[in-house]
Amino acid sequence: MNAITPPGMGEVREVLPGLLWVRMDLPFPPKNVNLWLLEDGEGWLAIDSGVQEDHCRAAWERIFETALAGKPITRVLVTHFHLDHVGLAGWLCEKWNAPLLMTRTEFLQSRLFLLDDDGALLEQFRAVTREAGAPGEYDRHLDERGQIYRPSVAPLPTRFTRIAAGDRLTIGGREWEVIVGRGHAPAMATLYCAELKLLIAADQILPRISPYIGVSVAEPDGDPLGEFLAANEQYRRLPEDTYVLPSHGEPFTGLHARIDALAEHHAERLSMLEEACKGEGLTAFGAALVLFPHVKAVSQMGFMVGESLAHLNRLVTLGRVMRLPGEDGLPRYRTLS
């Protein structure tokens, strides 16, 4: 398939007849997100929505008027709960009286963040980063920033249509298989059409970077990196020349090679941390400085700690590193030797 020039903010590009690529700007890295529209009989299925911001709403309104051939949005499918994907889904559903499709876990996670107490949620973040040994300036950053999820996500419908791994959805007369990715999010929906040899990959498999793989503040001892690497293996049954539509970056082919590259990238990171944890060991924030030596922004410390803990927990699960109490009360991670 020929390369396609990426659309500008709020613009549309045709990938195939009946499949449109929309790109929305984001107020945080990676600065934009890809959304997809599939023609579906008398209407369109929207896949993901962008964040809840006025310029995104305005862009959607222009798309409704100019790009959909007068047809309505009849279904809204959200791949996962992150705010750049679910942000305007509730607004789309309400505007078009359209049902919301999500995996159960992603729907419930989003609803939880929308309903949770802001102070309690911020305290969860503080508890994880303090135990990691992050400096106090990150606490101050959290106080100044506040909770960002609720302002960025429109209220979701209280009812949804559950999709699950192995489901077959008929969209525009074609069959699309739901394949559930993990690691970046707990149960992220991706869609594969064998007829088109096309995968809408969400954030599971990106063309140039690894998706963020970090622990949940509700499960700081979890192993999301192990889940991510295991989930990626299921995509090997798809053809190598599958055309992959990612949520960030440009569409690409070479699916198996990209899975290999992601596995190699994380294997290198694990080996780097295992070596760094020799001797007295490291706190999780110390590990973050090993993995991200050039990141100085206070705003990125939470992501640094989350991803570092994911790698440390993978090493603990593999029996290559042990977690021990430190004299200062902070856990230390030490290589087994």
Protein backbone atom coordinates (compact mmCIF):
# COMPACT_ATOMS: atom_id res chain seq x y z
CA MET A 1 0.00 0.00 0.00
CA ASN A 2 1.35 3.42 -0.92
CA ALA A 3 2.48 5.87 1.76
CA ILE A 4 -0.12 8.43 2.74
CA THR A 5 0.66 12.01 3.68
CA PRO A 6 -0.48 12.41 7.30
CA PRO A 7 -3.48 14.69 7.79
CA GLY A 8 -3.08 17.99 9.60
CA MET A 9 -4.85 18.81 12.84
CA GLY A 10 -8.51 17.91 12.50
CA GLU A 11 -8.09 17.00 8.83
CA VAL A 12 -9.00 13.78 7.05
CA ARG A 13 -7.09 11.49 4.68
CA GLU A 14 -8.57 8.51 2.87
CA VAL A 15 -6.63 5.31 3.58
CA LEU A 16 -8.98 3.14 1.52
CA PRO A 17 -12.50 3.74 0.24
CA GLY A 18 -14.63 3.82 3.37
CA LEU A 19 -11.67 4.18 5.76
CA LEU A 20 -10.62 7.67 6.87
CA TRP A 21 -7.64 8.80 8.93
CA VAL A 22 -8.15 11.74 11.30
CA ARG A 23 -5.36 13.33 13.36
CA MET A 24 -6.01 15.42 16.49
CA ASP A 25 -3.47 17.51 18.40
CA LEU A 26 -2.63 16.72 22.02
CA PRO A 27 -1.45 19.10 24.76
CA PHE A 28 1.21 16.56 25.85
CA PRO A 29 3.67 14.15 24.17
CA PRO A 30 3.42 12.60 21.61
CA LYS A 31 1.57 15.77 20.48
CA ASN A 32 -1.07 14.10 18.30
CA VAL A 33 -3.25 11.01 18.07
CA ASN A 34 -4.63 9.12 15.08
CA LEU A 35 -8.35 8.40 14.93
CA TRP A 36 -10.18 6.30 12.35
CA LEU A 37 -13.58 6.37 10.67
CA LEU A 38 -15.00 3.25 9.00
CA GLU A 39 -17.99 3.61 6.71
CA ASP A 40 -20.66 1.33 8.09
CA GLY A 41 -23.77 1.04 5.95
CA GLU A 42 -25.88 4.13 6.50
CA GLY A 43 -23.36 5.72 8.84
CA TRP A 44 -19.83 5.67 10.22
CA LEU A 45 -18.08 3.85 13.04
CA ALA A 46 -15.70 6.22 14.87
CA ILE A 47 -12.62 4.62 16.45
CA ASP A 48 -11.28 6.77 19.31
CA SER A 49 -12.01 10.46 19.77
CA GLY A 50 -9.19 12.74 20.98
CA VAL A 51 -9.18 14.73 24.22
CA GLN A 52 -12.00 16.91 25.50
CA GLU A 53 -10.85 20.31 24.28
CA ASP A 54 -12.68 23.01 22.33
CA HIS A 55 -10.41 22.78 19.29
CA CYS A 56 -11.04 19.02 19.05
CA ARG A 57 -14.80 19.52 19.21
CA ALA A 58 -14.57 22.18 16.52
CA ALA A 59 -12.48 19.86 14.34
CA TRP A 60 -15.05 17.08 14.73
CA GLU A 61 -17.82 19.51 13.75
CA ARG A 62 -15.94 20.36 10.53
CA ILE A 63 -15.51 16.66 9.81
CA PHE A 64 -19.23 16.04 10.28
CA GLU A 65 -20.01 18.79 7.77
CA THR A 66 -17.40 18.05 5.12
CA ALA A 67 -16.06 14.49 5.23
CA LEU A 68 -18.86 12.05 6.03
CA ALA A 69 -21.00 12.41 2.91
CA GLY A 70 -23.93 13.51 5.03
CA LYS A 71 -23.95 10.27 7.03
CA PRO A 72 -24.11 10.17 10.84
CA ILE A 73 -21.84 8.55 13.40
CA THR A 74 -23.74 5.38 14.26
CA ARG A 75 -21.24 3.64 16.59
CA VAL A 76 -18.28 4.81 18.69
CA LEU A 77 -15.54 2.28 19.49
CA VAL A 78 -12.89 3.25 22.05
CA THR A 79 -9.74 1.14 22.06
CA HIS A 80 -8.74 1.95 25.66
CA PHE A 81 -9.32 4.27 28.59
CA HIS A 82 -6.46 6.75 28.09
CA LEU A 83 -7.72 10.29 27.80
CA ASP A 84 -6.47 10.91 24.24
CA HIS A 85 -8.59 7.97 23.06
CA VAL A 86 -11.73 8.23 25.21
CA GLY A 87 -11.81 12.00 25.80
CA LEU A 88 -14.66 12.98 23.46
CA ALA A 89 -16.30 9.56 23.13
CA GLY A 90 -19.13 10.44 25.50
CA TRP A 91 -19.77 13.66 23.60
CA LEU A 92 -19.87 11.77 20.27
CA CYS A 93 -22.26 9.20 21.71
CA GLU A 94 -24.57 11.88 23.06
CA LYS A 95 -24.48 14.04 19.93
CA TRP A 96 -25.32 11.15 17.60
CA ASN A 97 -27.28 8.95 20.00
CA ALA A 98 -24.70 6.30 19.16
CA PRO A 99 -23.76 3.28 21.30
CA LEU A 100 -20.31 3.01 22.90
CA LEU A 101 -18.23 -0.11 22.25
CA MET A 102 -15.35 -0.95 24.63
CA THR A 103 -13.87 -3.91 26.38
CA ARG A 104 -15.35 -4.24 29.86
CA THR A 105 -12.09 -3.56 31.70
CA GLU A 106 -11.34 -0.39 29.74
CA PHE A 107 -14.89 0.93 30.22
CA LEU A 108 -14.81 0.29 33.96
CA GLN A 109 -11.33 1.80 34.31
CA SER A 110 -12.43 4.99 32.60
CA ARG A 111 -15.60 5.21 34.68
CA LEU A 112 -13.54 4.68 37.84
CA PHE A 113 -11.20 7.56 37.02
CA LEU A 114 -14.17 9.79 36.22
CA LEU A 115 -15.90 8.96 39.50
CA ASP A 116 -12.89 8.66 41.82
CA ASP A 117 -12.08 11.34 44.38
CA ASP A 118 -9.43 13.68 42.95
CA GLY A 119 -7.53 14.00 46.21
CA ALA A 120 -7.45 10.27 46.82
CA LEU A 121 -6.28 9.59 43.28
CA LEU A 122 -3.46 12.13 43.54
CA GLU A 123 -2.43 10.61 46.86
CA GLN A 124 -2.11 7.23 45.13
CA PHE A 125 0.32 8.79 42.67
CA ARG A 126 2.25 10.43 45.51
CA ALA A 127 2.50 7.17 47.46
CA VAL A 128 4.03 5.32 44.50
CA THR A 129 6.52 8.03 43.57
CA ARG A 130 7.54 8.65 47.19
CA GLU A 131 8.22 4.94 47.72
CA ALA A 132 10.26 5.06 44.52
CA GLY A 133 12.43 7.80 46.00
CA ALA A 134 11.34 10.60 43.66
CA PRO A 135 12.31 14.11 44.83
CA GLY A 136 9.80 16.30 46.65
CA GLU A 137 9.51 18.63 43.68
CA TYR A 138 7.35 16.00 41.97
CA ASP A 139 4.89 16.20 44.87
CA ARG A 140 4.73 19.95 44.35
CA HIS A 141 4.22 19.43 40.62
CA LEU A 142 1.24 17.16 41.33
CA ASP A 143 -0.26 19.76 43.67
CA GLU A 144 0.05 22.45 41.00
CA ARG A 145 -1.13 20.25 38.13
CA GLY A 146 -4.01 18.56 39.91
CA GLN A 147 -6.00 15.74 38.38
CA ILE A 148 -6.00 15.82 34.57
CA TYR A 149 -8.27 12.90 33.67
CA ARG A 150 -11.71 14.28 34.47
CA PRO A 151 -11.17 17.68 32.78
CA SER A 152 -9.96 15.91 29.64
CA VAL A 153 -12.71 13.27 29.37
CA ALA A 154 -16.38 13.95 28.73
CA PRO A 155 -18.81 11.91 30.86
CA LEU A 156 -19.29 8.44 29.44
CA PRO A 157 -22.66 6.78 28.86
CA THR A 158 -23.72 4.65 31.79
CA ARG A 159 -24.39 1.78 29.36
CA PHE A 160 -22.02 0.30 26.80
CA THR A 161 -21.71 -2.58 24.35
CA ARG A 162 -18.98 -4.94 25.49
CA ILE A 163 -16.45 -6.23 22.98
CA ALA A 164 -14.01 -9.00 23.85
CA ALA A 165 -11.09 -10.96 22.40
CA GLY A 166 -12.20 -13.14 19.49
CA ASP A 167 -15.36 -11.18 18.74
CA ARG A 168 -16.14 -10.70 15.07
CA LEU A 169 -17.62 -7.31 14.23
CA THR A 170 -19.29 -6.65 10.89
CA ILE A 171 -18.34 -3.15 9.80
CA GLY A 172 -19.19 -1.94 6.32
CA GLY A 173 -19.93 -5.48 5.17
CA ARG A 174 -16.49 -6.76 6.23
CA GLU A 175 -15.52 -8.91 9.21
CA TRP A 176 -13.15 -7.43 11.78
CA GLU A 177 -11.67 -9.55 14.57
CA VAL A 178 -11.15 -8.05 18.02
CA ILE A 179 -7.64 -8.82 19.31
CA VAL A 180 -6.99 -7.61 22.85
CA GLY A 181 -3.63 -6.04 23.61
CA ARG A 182 -2.18 -5.62 27.11
CA GLY A 183 0.59 -3.84 28.94
CA HIS A 184 0.06 -0.25 27.81
CA ALA A 185 -3.54 -0.61 28.94
CA PRO A 186 -5.22 -3.55 30.69
CA ALA A 187 -7.45 -4.77 27.83
CA MET A 188 -6.97 -2.62 24.74
CA ALA A 189 -9.10 -3.42 21.70
CA THR A 190 -7.34 -3.72 18.35
CA LEU A 191 -9.13 -4.69 15.13
CA TYR A 192 -7.94 -6.93 12.30
CA CYS A 193 -9.61 -7.35 8.89
CA ALA A 194 -8.29 -10.43 7.09
CA GLU A 195 -9.95 -9.39 3.82
CA LEU A 196 -7.94 -6.16 3.79
CA LYS A 197 -4.89 -7.52 5.67
CA LEU A 198 -5.22 -4.43 7.86
CA LEU A 199 -4.70 -4.00 11.61
CA ILE A 200 -5.96 -1.02 13.59
CA ALA A 201 -3.34 -1.42 16.30
CA ALA A 202 -4.20 1.41 18.74
CA ASP A 203 -1.16 1.91 21.04
CA GLN A 204 -0.13 -1.76 21.15
CA ILE A 205 2.33 -1.69 18.26
CA LEU A 206 3.75 1.69 17.24
CA PRO A 207 6.13 2.24 14.32
CA ARG A 208 9.04 4.15 15.89
CA ILE A 209 8.70 4.16 19.68
CA SER A 210 7.61 1.69 22.28
CA PRO A 211 4.30 2.60 23.87
CA TYR A 212 4.51 3.67 27.49
CA ILE A 213 4.60 0.52 29.62
CA GLY A 214 4.21 1.54 33.25
CA VAL A 215 2.68 0.15 36.40
CA SER A 216 -0.77 1.22 37.51
CA VAL A 217 -0.80 3.19 40.76
CA ALA A 218 -3.45 0.73 41.95
CA GLU A 219 -1.10 -2.20 41.18
CA PRO A 220 2.47 -0.96 41.62
CA ASP A 221 3.82 -4.52 41.94
CA GLY A 222 2.23 -5.68 38.68
CA ASP A 223 4.07 -6.92 35.59
CA PRO A 224 2.69 -4.90 32.65
CA LEU A 225 5.88 -5.38 30.64
CA GLY A 226 5.47 -9.15 30.80
CA GLU A 227 1.85 -8.74 29.69
CA PHE A 228 2.87 -6.44 26.83
CA LEU A 229 5.53 -8.77 25.46
CA ALA A 230 3.24 -11.80 25.73
CA ALA A 231 0.33 -9.97 24.09
CA ASN A 232 2.49 -8.92 21.15
CA GLU A 233 3.20 -12.56 20.30
CA GLN A 234 -0.42 -13.17 19.32
CA TYR A 235 -0.02 -10.77 16.37
CA ARG A 236 2.59 -13.04 14.77
CA ARG A 237 -0.22 -15.14 13.29
CA LEU A 238 -1.14 -12.16 11.11
CA PRO A 239 0.68 -11.81 7.77
CA GLU A 240 4.03 -10.01 7.85
CA ASP A 241 2.77 -7.58 5.18
CA THR A 242 -0.27 -6.61 7.26
CA TYR A 243 -0.87 -2.86 6.94
CA VAL A 244 -0.75 -1.48 10.48
CA LEU A 245 -2.63 1.66 11.48
CA PRO A 246 -1.16 2.87 14.80
CA SER A 247 -2.57 5.52 17.11
CA HIS A 248 0.70 7.50 16.99
CA GLY A 249 3.03 7.82 14.01
CA GLU A 250 2.35 6.76 10.44
CA PRO A 251 0.88 3.53 9.03
CA PHE A 252 3.47 0.85 8.26
CA THR A 253 4.10 -2.70 7.11
CA GLY A 254 6.58 -5.19 8.56
CA LEU A 255 4.53 -6.30 11.55
CA HIS A 256 6.72 -9.21 12.65
CA ALA A 257 9.90 -7.18 12.34
CA ARG A 258 8.37 -4.47 14.50
CA ILE A 259 7.35 -7.01 17.16
CA ASP A 260 10.94 -8.29 17.14
CA ALA A 261 12.30 -4.75 17.50
CA LEU A 262 10.04 -4.02 20.47
CA ALA A 263 11.09 -7.24 22.18
CA GLU A 264 14.77 -6.46 21.57
CA HIS A 265 14.37 -2.90 22.86
CA HIS A 266 12.90 -4.05 26.16
CA ALA A 267 15.43 -6.90 26.49
CA GLU A 268 18.20 -4.31 26.21
CA ARG A 269 16.52 -2.12 28.85
CA LEU A 270 16.18 -5.09 31.19
CA SER A 271 19.84 -6.00 30.78
CA MET A 272 20.86 -2.38 31.39
CA LEU A 273 18.87 -2.28 34.64
CA GLU A 274 20.09 -5.68 35.79
CA GLU A 275 23.67 -4.47 35.42
CA ALA A 276 22.92 -1.18 37.19
CA CYS A 277 21.31 -3.00 40.14
CA LYS A 278 24.54 -4.80 41.05
CA GLY A 279 26.15 -4.01 44.39
CA GLU A 280 24.03 -1.87 46.69
CA GLY A 281 21.13 -1.83 44.28
CA LEU A 282 18.86 1.03 43.22
CA THR A 283 15.63 2.66 44.26
CA ALA A 284 12.98 2.79 41.54
CA PHE A 285 13.83 6.47 40.96
CA GLY A 286 17.51 5.55 40.73
CA ALA A 287 16.51 3.03 38.07
CA ALA A 288 14.55 5.76 36.29
CA LEU A 289 17.70 7.87 36.06
CA VAL A 290 19.48 4.92 34.45
CA LEU A 291 16.74 4.37 31.86
CA PHE A 292 16.04 8.05 31.21
CA PRO A 293 19.32 9.91 31.84
CA HIS A 294 18.43 12.83 29.58
CA VAL A 295 14.90 13.51 30.86
CA LYS A 296 15.00 16.50 33.21
CA ALA A 297 11.39 17.77 33.18
CA VAL A 298 9.65 17.37 36.54
CA SER A 299 6.39 16.73 34.69
CA GLN A 300 7.87 13.49 33.28
CA MET A 301 8.94 11.97 36.60
CA GLY A 302 5.72 10.01 37.06
CA PHE A 303 6.14 8.37 33.66
CA MET A 304 9.81 7.65 34.38
CA VAL A 305 8.96 5.95 37.68
CA GLY A 306 6.04 4.02 36.22
CA GLU A 307 8.07 2.60 33.35
CA SER A 308 11.08 1.88 35.56
CA LEU A 309 8.92 -0.05 38.01
CA ALA A 310 7.48 -2.06 35.11
CA HIS A 311 11.01 -3.10 34.10
CA LEU A 312 12.12 -3.78 37.67
CA ASN A 313 9.01 -5.88 38.33
CA ARG A 314 9.72 -7.89 35.17
CA LEU A 315 13.24 -8.58 36.45
CA VAL A 316 11.85 -9.62 39.83
CA THR A 317 9.32 -11.93 38.13
CA LEU A 318 12.13 -13.47 36.06
CA GLY A 319 14.23 -14.01 39.18
CA ARG A 320 17.03 -11.75 37.98
CA VAL A 321 16.59 -9.02 40.61
CA MET A 322 15.27 -9.03 44.18
CA ARG A 323 13.39 -6.31 46.01
CA LEU A 324 14.75 -5.60 49.49
CA PRO A 325 13.95 -3.02 52.19
CA GLY A 326 16.48 -0.19 52.41
CA GLU A 327 17.72 1.42 55.60
CA ASP A 328 15.93 4.64 54.65
CA GLY A 329 12.63 2.77 54.32
CA LEU A 330 12.68 2.81 50.52
CA PRO A 331 12.78 -0.49 48.61
CA ARG A 332 16.04 -1.32 46.83
CA TYR A 333 16.34 -3.54 43.78
CA ARG A 334 19.49 -5.66 43.75
CA THR A 335 20.79 -8.05 41.12
CA LEU A 336 20.94 -11.69 42.19
CA SER A 337 24.53 -12.88 41.89
